[in-house]
Amino acid sequence: MRNYLLLFSTLLLFINLSFSQEEQDSIPKTEIDSVQADLADKGVVIKDSISFKKSKKEFNPLAPSKAAFYSAVIPGLGQIYNKRYWKVPIVWGAIGGSAYMYIYNNDQYQRFRTAFKRRQAGFTDDEFNGEGTLPLFDVDDLEYQQERFQNDRDLWLVAAIGLYALNIVDANVDAHLKQFNIDDDLSIDFEPYLDFNQATNSPNYGMALIIKF
């Protein structure tokens, strides 16, 4: 069970980090530096196609808290708030599966516990007495099965609580990561260019190094 929790946590964190590098909405604002105009008046060659851009990133400091709160109220709701819709079935499946296994093991524990207590009281009318469709279980077998299902039930309870907490942490961390604007379009390119010197009116040839951020 501990290996299951560790594997699920590692997988969810890896997928979360892999998909967190998405391009966020921003408000681009292009400004031409006044220094360009001064240098152009002095005859310094400036490539006209070069522009300086400043981006104003949208930042919502309450987003992580909201995402965590939504996931705490309803598991998966924080992932919907972060627009990570593909994570919702994973969250529901993990927590729902753990809850189902807890209920199943608890039901089995109660069955064997009831039969064990009646055997100790001297009764033989339980469902494990060998007279029905089930095989015969003696007192030691009933005690062993009771303890086994009890341990499994407790482990699945811990798993459900841990996955519920992981769901909240994932929504909070994911909302934090979405505040960063990481553009995948990072490239370096060389291009030839032709400009005219404004002072001598003569052409200038060269190569332009273009770096995209």
N, C-alpha and C. Protein backbone atom coordinates (compact mmCIF):
# COMPACT_ATOMS: atom_id res chain seq x y z
N MET A 1 0.83 -1.21 0.00
CA MET A 1 0.00 0.00 0.00
C MET A 1 0.86 1.25 0.00
N ARG A 2 1.93 1.24 0.80
CA ARG A 2 2.81 2.42 0.82
C ARG A 2 3.46 2.62 -0.54
N ASN A 3 3.84 1.50 -1.22
CA ASN A 3 4.42 1.62 -2.56
C ASN A 3 3.41 2.20 -3.53
N TYR A 4 2.13 1.84 -3.36
CA TYR A 4 1.08 2.37 -4.22
C TYR A 4 0.94 3.88 -4.06
N LEU A 5 0.95 4.34 -2.82
CA LEU A 5 0.85 5.77 -2.56
C LEU A 5 2.05 6.52 -3.11
N LEU A 6 3.26 5.97 -2.91
CA LEU A 6 4.47 6.63 -3.39
C LEU A 6 4.48 6.70 -4.91
N LEU A 7 4.07 5.62 -5.58
CA LEU A 7 4.05 5.61 -7.03
C LEU A 7 3.04 6.60 -7.58
N PHE A 8 1.85 6.66 -6.97
CA PHE A 8 0.83 7.59 -7.45
C PHE A 8 1.26 9.03 -7.24
N SER A 9 1.86 9.33 -6.09
CA SER A 9 2.31 10.68 -5.79
C SER A 9 3.39 11.13 -6.76
N THR A 10 4.35 10.23 -7.03
CA THR A 10 5.43 10.57 -7.96
C THR A 10 4.90 10.78 -9.36
N LEU A 11 3.98 9.92 -9.81
CA LEU A 11 3.41 10.05 -11.15
C LEU A 11 2.63 11.34 -11.30
N LEU A 12 1.82 11.67 -10.30
CA LEU A 12 1.02 12.89 -10.38
C LEU A 12 1.90 14.12 -10.37
N LEU A 13 2.98 14.13 -9.56
CA LEU A 13 3.88 15.27 -9.52
C LEU A 13 4.62 15.42 -10.83
N PHE A 14 5.04 14.29 -11.44
CA PHE A 14 5.76 14.35 -12.72
C PHE A 14 4.86 14.89 -13.82
N ILE A 15 3.62 14.40 -13.89
CA ILE A 15 2.70 14.89 -14.91
C ILE A 15 2.38 16.34 -14.70
N ASN A 16 2.25 16.73 -13.41
CA ASN A 16 1.94 18.11 -13.09
C ASN A 16 3.04 19.05 -13.56
N LEU A 17 4.32 18.67 -13.32
CA LEU A 17 5.44 19.50 -13.73
C LEU A 17 5.60 19.51 -15.24
N SER A 18 5.25 18.39 -15.91
CA SER A 18 5.41 18.30 -17.35
C SER A 18 4.43 19.21 -18.07
N PHE A 19 3.21 19.30 -17.53
CA PHE A 19 2.19 20.10 -18.19
C PHE A 19 2.09 21.52 -17.65
N SER A 20 2.90 21.85 -16.65
CA SER A 20 2.82 23.19 -16.06
C SER A 20 3.47 24.25 -16.92
N GLN A 21 4.29 23.83 -17.93
CA GLN A 21 4.99 24.79 -18.76
C GLN A 21 4.12 25.16 -19.94
N GLU A 22 3.02 25.79 -19.73
CA GLU A 22 2.13 26.23 -20.79
C GLU A 22 2.17 27.75 -20.90
N GLU A 23 1.83 28.24 -22.04
CA GLU A 23 1.88 29.68 -22.29
C GLU A 23 0.64 30.35 -21.72
N GLN A 24 0.82 31.31 -20.82
CA GLN A 24 -0.28 32.00 -20.17
C GLN A 24 -0.68 33.24 -20.98
N ASP A 25 -1.94 33.68 -20.73
CA ASP A 25 -2.41 34.90 -21.37
C ASP A 25 -1.68 36.09 -20.80
N SER A 26 -1.22 36.95 -21.68
CA SER A 26 -0.53 38.16 -21.25
C SER A 26 -0.99 39.32 -22.11
N ILE A 27 -0.66 40.52 -21.68
CA ILE A 27 -1.04 41.72 -22.39
C ILE A 27 0.22 42.35 -22.96
N PRO A 28 0.58 42.05 -24.26
CA PRO A 28 1.79 42.60 -24.79
C PRO A 28 1.66 44.08 -25.07
N LYS A 29 2.73 44.82 -24.82
CA LYS A 29 2.74 46.24 -25.06
C LYS A 29 4.09 46.61 -25.66
N THR A 30 4.10 47.02 -26.94
CA THR A 30 5.33 47.32 -27.66
C THR A 30 5.68 48.79 -27.48
N GLU A 31 6.93 49.04 -27.07
CA GLU A 31 7.40 50.41 -26.89
C GLU A 31 8.74 50.55 -27.61
N ILE A 32 8.92 51.60 -28.38
CA ILE A 32 10.17 51.90 -29.06
C ILE A 32 10.98 52.83 -28.19
N ASP A 33 12.17 52.39 -27.87
CA ASP A 33 13.04 53.17 -26.99
C ASP A 33 13.42 54.48 -27.68
N SER A 34 13.36 55.54 -26.91
CA SER A 34 13.69 56.85 -27.48
C SER A 34 15.16 56.94 -27.87
N VAL A 35 15.98 56.05 -27.30
CA VAL A 35 17.40 56.06 -27.64
C VAL A 35 17.59 55.69 -29.10
N GLN A 36 16.71 54.85 -29.65
CA GLN A 36 16.81 54.48 -31.05
C GLN A 36 16.74 55.70 -31.95
N ALA A 37 15.79 56.55 -31.65
CA ALA A 37 15.62 57.74 -32.49
C ALA A 37 16.84 58.65 -32.41
N ASP A 38 17.42 58.79 -31.22
CA ASP A 38 18.61 59.65 -31.07
C ASP A 38 19.79 59.08 -31.84
N LEU A 39 19.96 57.77 -31.78
CA LEU A 39 21.07 57.16 -32.50
C LEU A 39 20.88 57.23 -34.00
N ALA A 40 19.63 57.10 -34.45
CA ALA A 40 19.36 57.19 -35.89
C ALA A 40 19.67 58.57 -36.42
N ASP A 41 19.39 59.60 -35.64
CA ASP A 41 19.70 60.97 -36.07
C ASP A 41 21.19 61.21 -36.21
N LYS A 42 21.98 60.45 -35.45
CA LYS A 42 23.44 60.61 -35.50
C LYS A 42 24.08 59.72 -36.56
N GLY A 43 23.27 59.01 -37.34
CA GLY A 43 23.81 58.21 -38.42
C GLY A 43 24.16 56.80 -38.04
N VAL A 44 23.82 56.39 -36.85
CA VAL A 44 24.11 55.03 -36.43
C VAL A 44 23.08 54.09 -37.04
N VAL A 45 23.57 52.99 -37.64
CA VAL A 45 22.67 52.05 -38.31
C VAL A 45 21.90 51.25 -37.27
N ILE A 46 20.58 51.26 -37.41
CA ILE A 46 19.71 50.51 -36.52
C ILE A 46 18.76 49.71 -37.38
N LYS A 47 18.73 48.45 -37.15
CA LYS A 47 17.82 47.60 -37.93
C LYS A 47 16.38 47.92 -37.55
N ASP A 48 15.60 48.26 -38.62
CA ASP A 48 14.24 48.74 -38.37
C ASP A 48 13.35 47.64 -37.79
N SER A 49 13.69 46.38 -38.11
CA SER A 49 12.79 45.30 -37.69
C SER A 49 12.94 44.95 -36.23
N ILE A 50 13.97 45.51 -35.54
CA ILE A 50 14.17 45.20 -34.14
C ILE A 50 13.23 46.04 -33.30
N SER A 51 12.52 45.42 -32.41
CA SER A 51 11.62 46.14 -31.51
C SER A 51 11.80 45.59 -30.12
N PHE A 52 11.53 46.42 -29.16
CA PHE A 52 11.65 46.05 -27.77
C PHE A 52 10.25 45.91 -27.19
N LYS A 53 9.99 44.75 -26.62
CA LYS A 53 8.66 44.47 -26.12
C LYS A 53 8.71 44.22 -24.62
N LYS A 54 7.71 44.71 -23.96
CA LYS A 54 7.55 44.46 -22.54
C LYS A 54 6.21 43.77 -22.32
N SER A 55 6.22 42.73 -21.60
CA SER A 55 4.99 41.97 -21.33
C SER A 55 4.57 42.16 -19.89
N LYS A 56 3.33 42.42 -19.72
CA LYS A 56 2.77 42.54 -18.39
C LYS A 56 2.02 41.25 -18.08
N LYS A 57 2.56 40.47 -17.17
CA LYS A 57 1.96 39.18 -16.83
C LYS A 57 0.80 39.35 -15.85
N GLU A 58 -0.24 38.57 -16.11
CA GLU A 58 -1.36 38.56 -15.19
C GLU A 58 -1.00 37.71 -13.97
N PHE A 59 -1.24 38.23 -12.81
CA PHE A 59 -0.91 37.51 -11.58
C PHE A 59 -2.07 37.62 -10.62
N ASN A 60 -2.53 36.47 -10.17
CA ASN A 60 -3.64 36.41 -9.23
C ASN A 60 -3.16 35.72 -7.97
N PRO A 61 -2.81 36.47 -6.93
CA PRO A 61 -2.26 35.85 -5.72
C PRO A 61 -3.25 34.97 -4.98
N LEU A 62 -4.54 35.13 -5.24
CA LEU A 62 -5.54 34.32 -4.55
C LEU A 62 -5.84 33.01 -5.26
N ALA A 63 -5.32 32.82 -6.47
CA ALA A 63 -5.62 31.62 -7.23
C ALA A 63 -5.21 30.34 -6.52
N PRO A 64 -3.99 30.23 -5.96
CA PRO A 64 -3.63 28.99 -5.27
C PRO A 64 -4.54 28.67 -4.10
N SER A 65 -4.91 29.71 -3.32
CA SER A 65 -5.79 29.48 -2.17
C SER A 65 -7.18 29.03 -2.63
N LYS A 66 -7.68 29.62 -3.70
CA LYS A 66 -8.99 29.22 -4.21
C LYS A 66 -8.96 27.78 -4.71
N ALA A 67 -7.91 27.44 -5.45
CA ALA A 67 -7.81 26.08 -5.98
C ALA A 67 -7.75 25.06 -4.86
N ALA A 68 -6.96 25.35 -3.82
CA ALA A 68 -6.87 24.43 -2.69
C ALA A 68 -8.21 24.32 -1.96
N PHE A 69 -8.90 25.43 -1.80
CA PHE A 69 -10.19 25.41 -1.10
C PHE A 69 -11.22 24.61 -1.90
N TYR A 70 -11.26 24.81 -3.21
CA TYR A 70 -12.22 24.07 -4.03
C TYR A 70 -11.96 22.56 -3.97
N SER A 71 -10.67 22.17 -4.01
CA SER A 71 -10.35 20.75 -3.95
C SER A 71 -10.63 20.17 -2.57
N ALA A 72 -10.57 21.01 -1.54
CA ALA A 72 -10.89 20.53 -0.20
C ALA A 72 -12.39 20.30 -0.05
N VAL A 73 -13.20 21.15 -0.68
CA VAL A 73 -14.65 21.00 -0.61
C VAL A 73 -15.11 19.80 -1.45
N ILE A 74 -14.68 19.78 -2.71
CA ILE A 74 -15.01 18.68 -3.62
C ILE A 74 -13.73 18.27 -4.33
N PRO A 75 -13.21 17.08 -4.08
CA PRO A 75 -12.00 16.64 -4.78
C PRO A 75 -12.14 16.73 -6.29
N GLY A 76 -11.15 17.34 -6.93
CA GLY A 76 -11.19 17.52 -8.38
C GLY A 76 -11.68 18.88 -8.81
N LEU A 77 -12.39 19.59 -7.92
CA LEU A 77 -12.92 20.90 -8.30
C LEU A 77 -11.79 21.92 -8.47
N GLY A 78 -10.73 21.81 -7.67
CA GLY A 78 -9.60 22.69 -7.84
C GLY A 78 -8.90 22.48 -9.16
N GLN A 79 -8.84 21.21 -9.62
CA GLN A 79 -8.25 20.93 -10.93
C GLN A 79 -9.10 21.52 -12.05
N ILE A 80 -10.40 21.51 -11.87
CA ILE A 80 -11.28 22.15 -12.85
C ILE A 80 -11.05 23.65 -12.84
N TYR A 81 -10.87 24.24 -11.66
CA TYR A 81 -10.59 25.67 -11.55
C TYR A 81 -9.29 26.03 -12.27
N ASN A 82 -8.30 25.12 -12.20
CA ASN A 82 -7.02 25.36 -12.89
C ASN A 82 -7.06 24.98 -14.36
N LYS A 83 -8.22 24.50 -14.82
CA LYS A 83 -8.41 24.06 -16.20
C LYS A 83 -7.55 22.85 -16.52
N ARG A 84 -7.29 22.02 -15.53
CA ARG A 84 -6.60 20.75 -15.73
C ARG A 84 -7.65 19.64 -15.74
N TYR A 85 -8.50 19.66 -16.76
CA TYR A 85 -9.64 18.76 -16.78
C TYR A 85 -9.23 17.29 -16.84
N TRP A 86 -8.08 17.00 -17.46
CA TRP A 86 -7.64 15.62 -17.59
C TRP A 86 -7.26 15.01 -16.25
N LYS A 87 -7.03 15.84 -15.23
CA LYS A 87 -6.67 15.31 -13.92
C LYS A 87 -7.89 14.87 -13.10
N VAL A 88 -9.05 15.37 -13.46
CA VAL A 88 -10.25 15.09 -12.66
C VAL A 88 -10.55 13.59 -12.59
N PRO A 89 -10.55 12.85 -13.72
CA PRO A 89 -10.80 11.40 -13.61
C PRO A 89 -9.75 10.68 -12.76
N ILE A 90 -8.49 11.16 -12.79
CA ILE A 90 -7.45 10.54 -11.97
C ILE A 90 -7.75 10.75 -10.49
N VAL A 91 -8.13 11.98 -10.13
CA VAL A 91 -8.43 12.28 -8.73
C VAL A 91 -9.63 11.48 -8.26
N TRP A 92 -10.69 11.50 -9.05
CA TRP A 92 -11.90 10.76 -8.66
C TRP A 92 -11.64 9.26 -8.60
N GLY A 93 -10.90 8.73 -9.56
CA GLY A 93 -10.61 7.31 -9.57
C GLY A 93 -9.76 6.88 -8.38
N ALA A 94 -8.74 7.70 -8.06
CA ALA A 94 -7.85 7.35 -6.94
C ALA A 94 -8.59 7.40 -5.61
N ILE A 95 -9.28 8.51 -5.35
CA ILE A 95 -9.98 8.65 -4.07
C ILE A 95 -11.19 7.71 -4.00
N GLY A 96 -11.93 7.62 -5.11
CA GLY A 96 -13.08 6.73 -5.12
C GLY A 96 -12.69 5.27 -4.97
N GLY A 97 -11.60 4.87 -5.64
CA GLY A 97 -11.14 3.49 -5.51
C GLY A 97 -10.69 3.17 -4.09
N SER A 98 -10.00 4.12 -3.46
CA SER A 98 -9.57 3.91 -2.07
C SER A 98 -10.76 3.80 -1.14
N ALA A 99 -11.77 4.65 -1.36
CA ALA A 99 -12.96 4.59 -0.52
C ALA A 99 -13.71 3.27 -0.71
N TYR A 100 -13.76 2.81 -1.96
CA TYR A 100 -14.43 1.53 -2.22
C TYR A 100 -13.72 0.39 -1.52
N MET A 101 -12.38 0.35 -1.59
CA MET A 101 -11.63 -0.72 -0.94
C MET A 101 -11.76 -0.65 0.57
N TYR A 102 -11.86 0.55 1.10
CA TYR A 102 -12.09 0.68 2.55
C TYR A 102 -13.43 0.07 2.94
N ILE A 103 -14.47 0.40 2.19
CA ILE A 103 -15.80 -0.13 2.50
C ILE A 103 -15.83 -1.65 2.35
N TYR A 104 -15.20 -2.16 1.30
CA TYR A 104 -15.19 -3.61 1.07
C TYR A 104 -14.50 -4.34 2.23
N ASN A 105 -13.32 -3.89 2.60
CA ASN A 105 -12.58 -4.55 3.68
C ASN A 105 -13.29 -4.39 5.03
N ASN A 106 -13.95 -3.27 5.22
CA ASN A 106 -14.71 -3.09 6.46
C ASN A 106 -15.89 -4.06 6.55
N ASP A 107 -16.57 -4.28 5.42
CA ASP A 107 -17.68 -5.23 5.40
C ASP A 107 -17.18 -6.65 5.70
N GLN A 108 -16.06 -7.03 5.11
CA GLN A 108 -15.52 -8.36 5.36
C GLN A 108 -15.07 -8.50 6.83
N TYR A 109 -14.50 -7.43 7.35
CA TYR A 109 -14.08 -7.45 8.76
C TYR A 109 -15.27 -7.65 9.68
N GLN A 110 -16.37 -6.96 9.41
CA GLN A 110 -17.55 -7.09 10.25
C GLN A 110 -18.15 -8.49 10.17
N ARG A 111 -18.10 -9.11 9.00
CA ARG A 111 -18.63 -10.48 8.84
C ARG A 111 -17.84 -11.46 9.70
N PHE A 112 -16.53 -11.44 9.57
CA PHE A 112 -15.71 -12.38 10.32
C PHE A 112 -15.70 -12.06 11.82
N ARG A 113 -15.82 -10.78 12.13
CA ARG A 113 -15.84 -10.40 13.56
C ARG A 113 -17.12 -10.93 14.23
N THR A 114 -18.24 -10.78 13.53
CA THR A 114 -19.50 -11.27 14.08
C THR A 114 -19.46 -12.79 14.27
N ALA A 115 -18.95 -13.49 13.26
CA ALA A 115 -18.87 -14.95 13.36
C ALA A 115 -17.90 -15.37 14.48
N PHE A 116 -16.78 -14.67 14.61
CA PHE A 116 -15.80 -15.00 15.64
C PHE A 116 -16.39 -14.81 17.04
N LYS A 117 -17.12 -13.72 17.24
CA LYS A 117 -17.72 -13.45 18.55
C LYS A 117 -18.78 -14.50 18.90
N ARG A 118 -19.55 -14.95 17.91
CA ARG A 118 -20.58 -15.96 18.17
C ARG A 118 -19.96 -17.33 18.46
N ARG A 119 -18.85 -17.63 17.77
CA ARG A 119 -18.17 -18.90 18.06
C ARG A 119 -17.63 -18.91 19.49
N GLN A 120 -17.07 -17.77 19.91
CA GLN A 120 -16.56 -17.69 21.27
C GLN A 120 -17.69 -17.80 22.30
N ALA A 121 -18.90 -17.37 21.89
CA ALA A 121 -20.04 -17.46 22.79
C ALA A 121 -20.67 -18.85 22.79
N GLY A 122 -20.17 -19.74 21.91
CA GLY A 122 -20.69 -21.10 21.89
C GLY A 122 -21.70 -21.38 20.81
N PHE A 123 -21.99 -20.42 19.94
CA PHE A 123 -22.96 -20.63 18.87
C PHE A 123 -22.25 -21.13 17.61
N THR A 124 -22.97 -21.89 16.81
CA THR A 124 -22.42 -22.40 15.54
C THR A 124 -23.36 -22.10 14.37
N ASP A 125 -24.15 -21.05 14.50
CA ASP A 125 -25.11 -20.71 13.46
C ASP A 125 -24.61 -19.61 12.52
N ASP A 126 -23.31 -19.34 12.50
CA ASP A 126 -22.77 -18.30 11.62
C ASP A 126 -22.64 -18.83 10.20
N GLU A 127 -22.33 -17.96 9.28
CA GLU A 127 -22.27 -18.33 7.86
C GLU A 127 -21.01 -19.11 7.50
N PHE A 128 -20.05 -19.20 8.41
CA PHE A 128 -18.79 -19.89 8.13
C PHE A 128 -18.69 -21.24 8.87
N ASN A 129 -19.83 -21.83 9.17
CA ASN A 129 -19.83 -23.09 9.93
C ASN A 129 -19.74 -24.32 9.03
N GLY A 130 -19.65 -24.10 7.74
CA GLY A 130 -19.49 -25.21 6.80
C GLY A 130 -20.78 -25.84 6.34
N GLU A 131 -21.91 -25.40 6.81
CA GLU A 131 -23.19 -25.99 6.43
C GLU A 131 -23.79 -25.33 5.21
N GLY A 132 -23.30 -24.14 4.85
CA GLY A 132 -23.83 -23.44 3.69
C GLY A 132 -22.91 -23.59 2.49
N THR A 133 -22.90 -22.58 1.65
CA THR A 133 -22.05 -22.60 0.46
C THR A 133 -20.61 -22.24 0.77
N LEU A 134 -20.35 -21.63 1.92
CA LEU A 134 -19.00 -21.24 2.31
C LEU A 134 -18.30 -22.37 3.02
N PRO A 135 -16.95 -22.45 2.87
CA PRO A 135 -16.21 -23.52 3.57
C PRO A 135 -16.20 -23.28 5.08
N LEU A 136 -15.80 -24.31 5.78
CA LEU A 136 -15.74 -24.24 7.24
C LEU A 136 -14.52 -23.45 7.69
N PHE A 137 -14.75 -22.51 8.61
CA PHE A 137 -13.67 -21.75 9.24
C PHE A 137 -13.73 -22.03 10.74
N ASP A 138 -12.62 -22.49 11.28
CA ASP A 138 -12.61 -22.69 12.73
C ASP A 138 -12.35 -21.34 13.42
N VAL A 139 -12.26 -21.36 14.73
CA VAL A 139 -12.11 -20.12 15.49
C VAL A 139 -10.81 -19.39 15.13
N ASP A 140 -9.73 -20.15 14.96
CA ASP A 140 -8.44 -19.52 14.62
C ASP A 140 -8.50 -18.86 13.25
N ASP A 141 -9.14 -19.54 12.30
CA ASP A 141 -9.28 -18.96 10.95
C ASP A 141 -10.12 -17.69 10.99
N LEU A 142 -11.17 -17.70 11.75
CA LEU A 142 -12.02 -16.52 11.87
C LEU A 142 -11.25 -15.34 12.48
N GLU A 143 -10.46 -15.64 13.47
CA GLU A 143 -9.67 -14.59 14.10
C GLU A 143 -8.63 -14.02 13.13
N TYR A 144 -7.99 -14.92 12.37
CA TYR A 144 -6.99 -14.48 11.40
C TYR A 144 -7.61 -13.61 10.30
N GLN A 145 -8.73 -14.07 9.74
CA GLN A 145 -9.40 -13.30 8.69
C GLN A 145 -9.89 -11.96 9.22
N GLN A 146 -10.39 -11.95 10.44
CA GLN A 146 -10.84 -10.70 11.05
C GLN A 146 -9.70 -9.69 11.14
N GLU A 147 -8.54 -10.12 11.62
CA GLU A 147 -7.39 -9.23 11.75
C GLU A 147 -6.84 -8.80 10.40
N ARG A 148 -6.87 -9.70 9.41
CA ARG A 148 -6.36 -9.36 8.08
C ARG A 148 -7.19 -8.26 7.43
N PHE A 149 -8.50 -8.44 7.45
CA PHE A 149 -9.36 -7.43 6.84
C PHE A 149 -9.35 -6.12 7.63
N GLN A 150 -9.14 -6.20 8.92
CA GLN A 150 -9.04 -4.99 9.72
C GLN A 150 -7.80 -4.18 9.33
N ASN A 151 -6.67 -4.87 9.16
CA ASN A 151 -5.44 -4.18 8.75
C ASN A 151 -5.58 -3.58 7.35
N ASP A 152 -6.17 -4.35 6.43
CA ASP A 152 -6.36 -3.83 5.08
C ASP A 152 -7.31 -2.63 5.08
N ARG A 153 -8.33 -2.72 5.89
CA ARG A 153 -9.27 -1.59 5.99
C ARG A 153 -8.57 -0.32 6.48
N ASP A 154 -7.74 -0.46 7.51
CA ASP A 154 -7.04 0.71 8.05
C ASP A 154 -6.06 1.29 7.04
N LEU A 155 -5.37 0.42 6.29
CA LEU A 155 -4.43 0.90 5.28
C LEU A 155 -5.15 1.67 4.17
N TRP A 156 -6.28 1.17 3.74
CA TRP A 156 -7.03 1.87 2.70
C TRP A 156 -7.61 3.18 3.21
N LEU A 157 -7.91 3.25 4.49
CA LEU A 157 -8.36 4.52 5.07
C LEU A 157 -7.23 5.55 5.01
N VAL A 158 -6.02 5.12 5.37
CA VAL A 158 -4.87 6.02 5.29
C VAL A 158 -4.61 6.44 3.85
N ALA A 159 -4.78 5.49 2.91
CA ALA A 159 -4.59 5.80 1.50
C ALA A 159 -5.60 6.84 1.02
N ALA A 160 -6.86 6.68 1.41
CA ALA A 160 -7.89 7.64 0.99
C ALA A 160 -7.61 9.03 1.54
N ILE A 161 -7.21 9.10 2.80
CA ILE A 161 -6.89 10.41 3.40
C ILE A 161 -5.67 11.03 2.72
N GLY A 162 -4.64 10.20 2.47
CA GLY A 162 -3.45 10.70 1.81
C GLY A 162 -3.72 11.21 0.40
N LEU A 163 -4.54 10.48 -0.36
CA LEU A 163 -4.87 10.92 -1.72
C LEU A 163 -5.74 12.15 -1.71
N TYR A 164 -6.61 12.27 -0.72
CA TYR A 164 -7.42 13.48 -0.59
C TYR A 164 -6.53 14.69 -0.33
N ALA A 165 -5.54 14.53 0.57
CA ALA A 165 -4.61 15.62 0.84
C ALA A 165 -3.75 15.93 -0.38
N LEU A 166 -3.33 14.89 -1.10
CA LEU A 166 -2.53 15.10 -2.31
C LEU A 166 -3.31 15.85 -3.37
N ASN A 167 -4.60 15.60 -3.44
CA ASN A 167 -5.46 16.32 -4.38
C ASN A 167 -5.46 17.82 -4.07
N ILE A 168 -5.48 18.18 -2.79
CA ILE A 168 -5.46 19.59 -2.40
C ILE A 168 -4.10 20.22 -2.71
N VAL A 169 -3.03 19.49 -2.38
CA VAL A 169 -1.68 20.01 -2.64
C VAL A 169 -1.44 20.18 -4.14
N ASP A 170 -1.90 19.23 -4.92
CA ASP A 170 -1.73 19.32 -6.38
C ASP A 170 -2.42 20.55 -6.95
N ALA A 171 -3.64 20.82 -6.50
CA ALA A 171 -4.36 21.99 -7.00
C ALA A 171 -3.65 23.28 -6.61
N ASN A 172 -3.13 23.34 -5.38
CA ASN A 172 -2.44 24.54 -4.92
C ASN A 172 -1.14 24.76 -5.69
N VAL A 173 -0.33 23.72 -5.84
CA VAL A 173 0.95 23.84 -6.56
C VAL A 173 0.72 24.16 -8.02
N ASP A 174 -0.29 23.52 -8.61
CA ASP A 174 -0.59 23.76 -10.02
C ASP A 174 -0.99 25.20 -10.25
N ALA A 175 -1.76 25.78 -9.34
CA ALA A 175 -2.16 27.18 -9.47
C ALA A 175 -0.95 28.10 -9.33
N HIS A 176 0.00 27.74 -8.47
CA HIS A 176 1.24 28.53 -8.36
C HIS A 176 2.03 28.49 -9.66
N LEU A 177 2.17 27.30 -10.25
CA LEU A 177 2.96 27.15 -11.47
C LEU A 177 2.32 27.87 -12.64
N LYS A 178 1.00 27.98 -12.65
CA LYS A 178 0.33 28.65 -13.74
C LYS A 178 0.56 30.16 -13.73
N GLN A 179 1.15 30.68 -12.66
CA GLN A 179 1.44 32.12 -12.60
C GLN A 179 2.65 32.47 -13.45
N PHE A 180 3.45 31.49 -13.80
CA PHE A 180 4.64 31.74 -14.59
C PHE A 180 4.33 31.58 -16.06
N ASN A 181 4.85 32.49 -16.86
CA ASN A 181 4.65 32.46 -18.30
C ASN A 181 5.91 31.90 -18.94
N ILE A 182 5.88 30.61 -19.25
CA ILE A 182 7.03 29.94 -19.85
C ILE A 182 6.68 29.63 -21.30
N ASP A 183 7.34 30.31 -22.23
CA ASP A 183 7.06 30.15 -23.64
C ASP A 183 7.94 29.04 -24.20
N ASP A 184 7.34 28.10 -24.90
CA ASP A 184 8.11 27.02 -25.51
C ASP A 184 8.84 27.48 -26.77
N ASP A 185 8.49 28.64 -27.30
CA ASP A 185 9.08 29.12 -28.54
C ASP A 185 10.38 29.86 -28.25
N LEU A 186 11.42 29.12 -27.85
CA LEU A 186 12.73 29.69 -27.59
C LEU A 186 13.65 29.27 -28.72
N SER A 187 14.16 30.21 -29.49
CA SER A 187 14.97 29.86 -30.65
C SER A 187 15.98 30.95 -30.95
N ILE A 188 17.04 30.55 -31.69
CA ILE A 188 18.08 31.47 -32.15
C ILE A 188 18.18 31.31 -33.66
N ASP A 189 18.23 32.41 -34.38
CA ASP A 189 18.26 32.35 -35.83
C ASP A 189 19.14 33.46 -36.38
N PHE A 190 19.77 33.20 -37.54
CA PHE A 190 20.56 34.20 -38.24
C PHE A 190 19.85 34.56 -39.54
N GLU A 191 19.76 35.86 -39.80
CA GLU A 191 19.12 36.32 -41.02
C GLU A 191 19.93 37.47 -41.62
N PRO A 192 20.11 37.47 -42.96
CA PRO A 192 20.78 38.61 -43.59
C PRO A 192 19.87 39.84 -43.61
N TYR A 193 20.45 41.02 -43.59
CA TYR A 193 19.64 42.22 -43.65
C TYR A 193 20.37 43.29 -44.44
N LEU A 194 19.59 44.24 -44.93
CA LEU A 194 20.11 45.37 -45.70
C LEU A 194 19.51 46.64 -45.15
N ASP A 195 20.36 47.57 -44.73
CA ASP A 195 19.93 48.85 -44.20
C ASP A 195 20.67 49.98 -44.91
N PHE A 196 20.09 51.18 -44.80
CA PHE A 196 20.71 52.36 -45.39
C PHE A 196 21.14 53.31 -44.29
N ASN A 197 22.39 53.76 -44.38
CA ASN A 197 22.90 54.74 -43.44
C ASN A 197 22.23 56.07 -43.72
N GLN A 198 21.58 56.62 -42.73
CA GLN A 198 20.84 57.87 -42.94
C GLN A 198 21.76 59.06 -43.17
N ALA A 199 22.99 58.97 -42.74
CA ALA A 199 23.93 60.09 -42.92
C ALA A 199 24.53 60.09 -44.30
N THR A 200 24.98 58.92 -44.80
CA THR A 200 25.64 58.84 -46.11
C THR A 200 24.74 58.30 -47.20
N ASN A 201 23.57 57.82 -46.82
CA ASN A 201 22.62 57.26 -47.77
C ASN A 201 23.23 56.10 -48.56
N SER A 202 24.07 55.36 -47.90
CA SER A 202 24.72 54.22 -48.55
C SER A 202 24.22 52.94 -47.90
N PRO A 203 24.14 51.84 -48.67
CA PRO A 203 23.63 50.59 -48.11
C PRO A 203 24.65 49.95 -47.19
N ASN A 204 24.14 49.23 -46.22
CA ASN A 204 24.96 48.46 -45.29
C ASN A 204 24.44 47.02 -45.26
N TYR A 205 25.36 46.11 -45.37
CA TYR A 205 25.01 44.70 -45.39
C TYR A 205 25.47 44.05 -44.09
N GLY A 206 24.81 43.01 -43.68
CA GLY A 206 25.22 42.33 -42.46
C GLY A 206 24.35 41.14 -42.16
N MET A 207 24.60 40.56 -41.00
CA MET A 207 23.83 39.44 -40.51
C MET A 207 23.16 39.83 -39.19
N ALA A 208 21.94 39.39 -39.01
CA ALA A 208 21.19 39.70 -37.79
C ALA A 208 21.04 38.43 -36.96
N LEU A 209 21.34 38.53 -35.68
CA LEU A 209 21.14 37.44 -34.74
C LEU A 209 19.81 37.67 -34.04
N ILE A 210 18.88 36.74 -34.26
CA ILE A 210 17.53 36.87 -33.70
C ILE A 210 17.35 35.84 -32.61
N ILE A 211 17.06 36.31 -31.42
CA ILE A 211 16.80 35.44 -30.27
C ILE A 211 15.36 35.63 -29.85
N LYS A 212 14.59 34.58 -29.85
CA LYS A 212 13.19 34.65 -29.45
C LYS A 212 13.02 34.12 -28.04
N PHE A 213 12.36 34.93 -27.21
CA PHE A 213 12.10 34.53 -25.83
C PHE A 213 10.61 34.32 -25.63
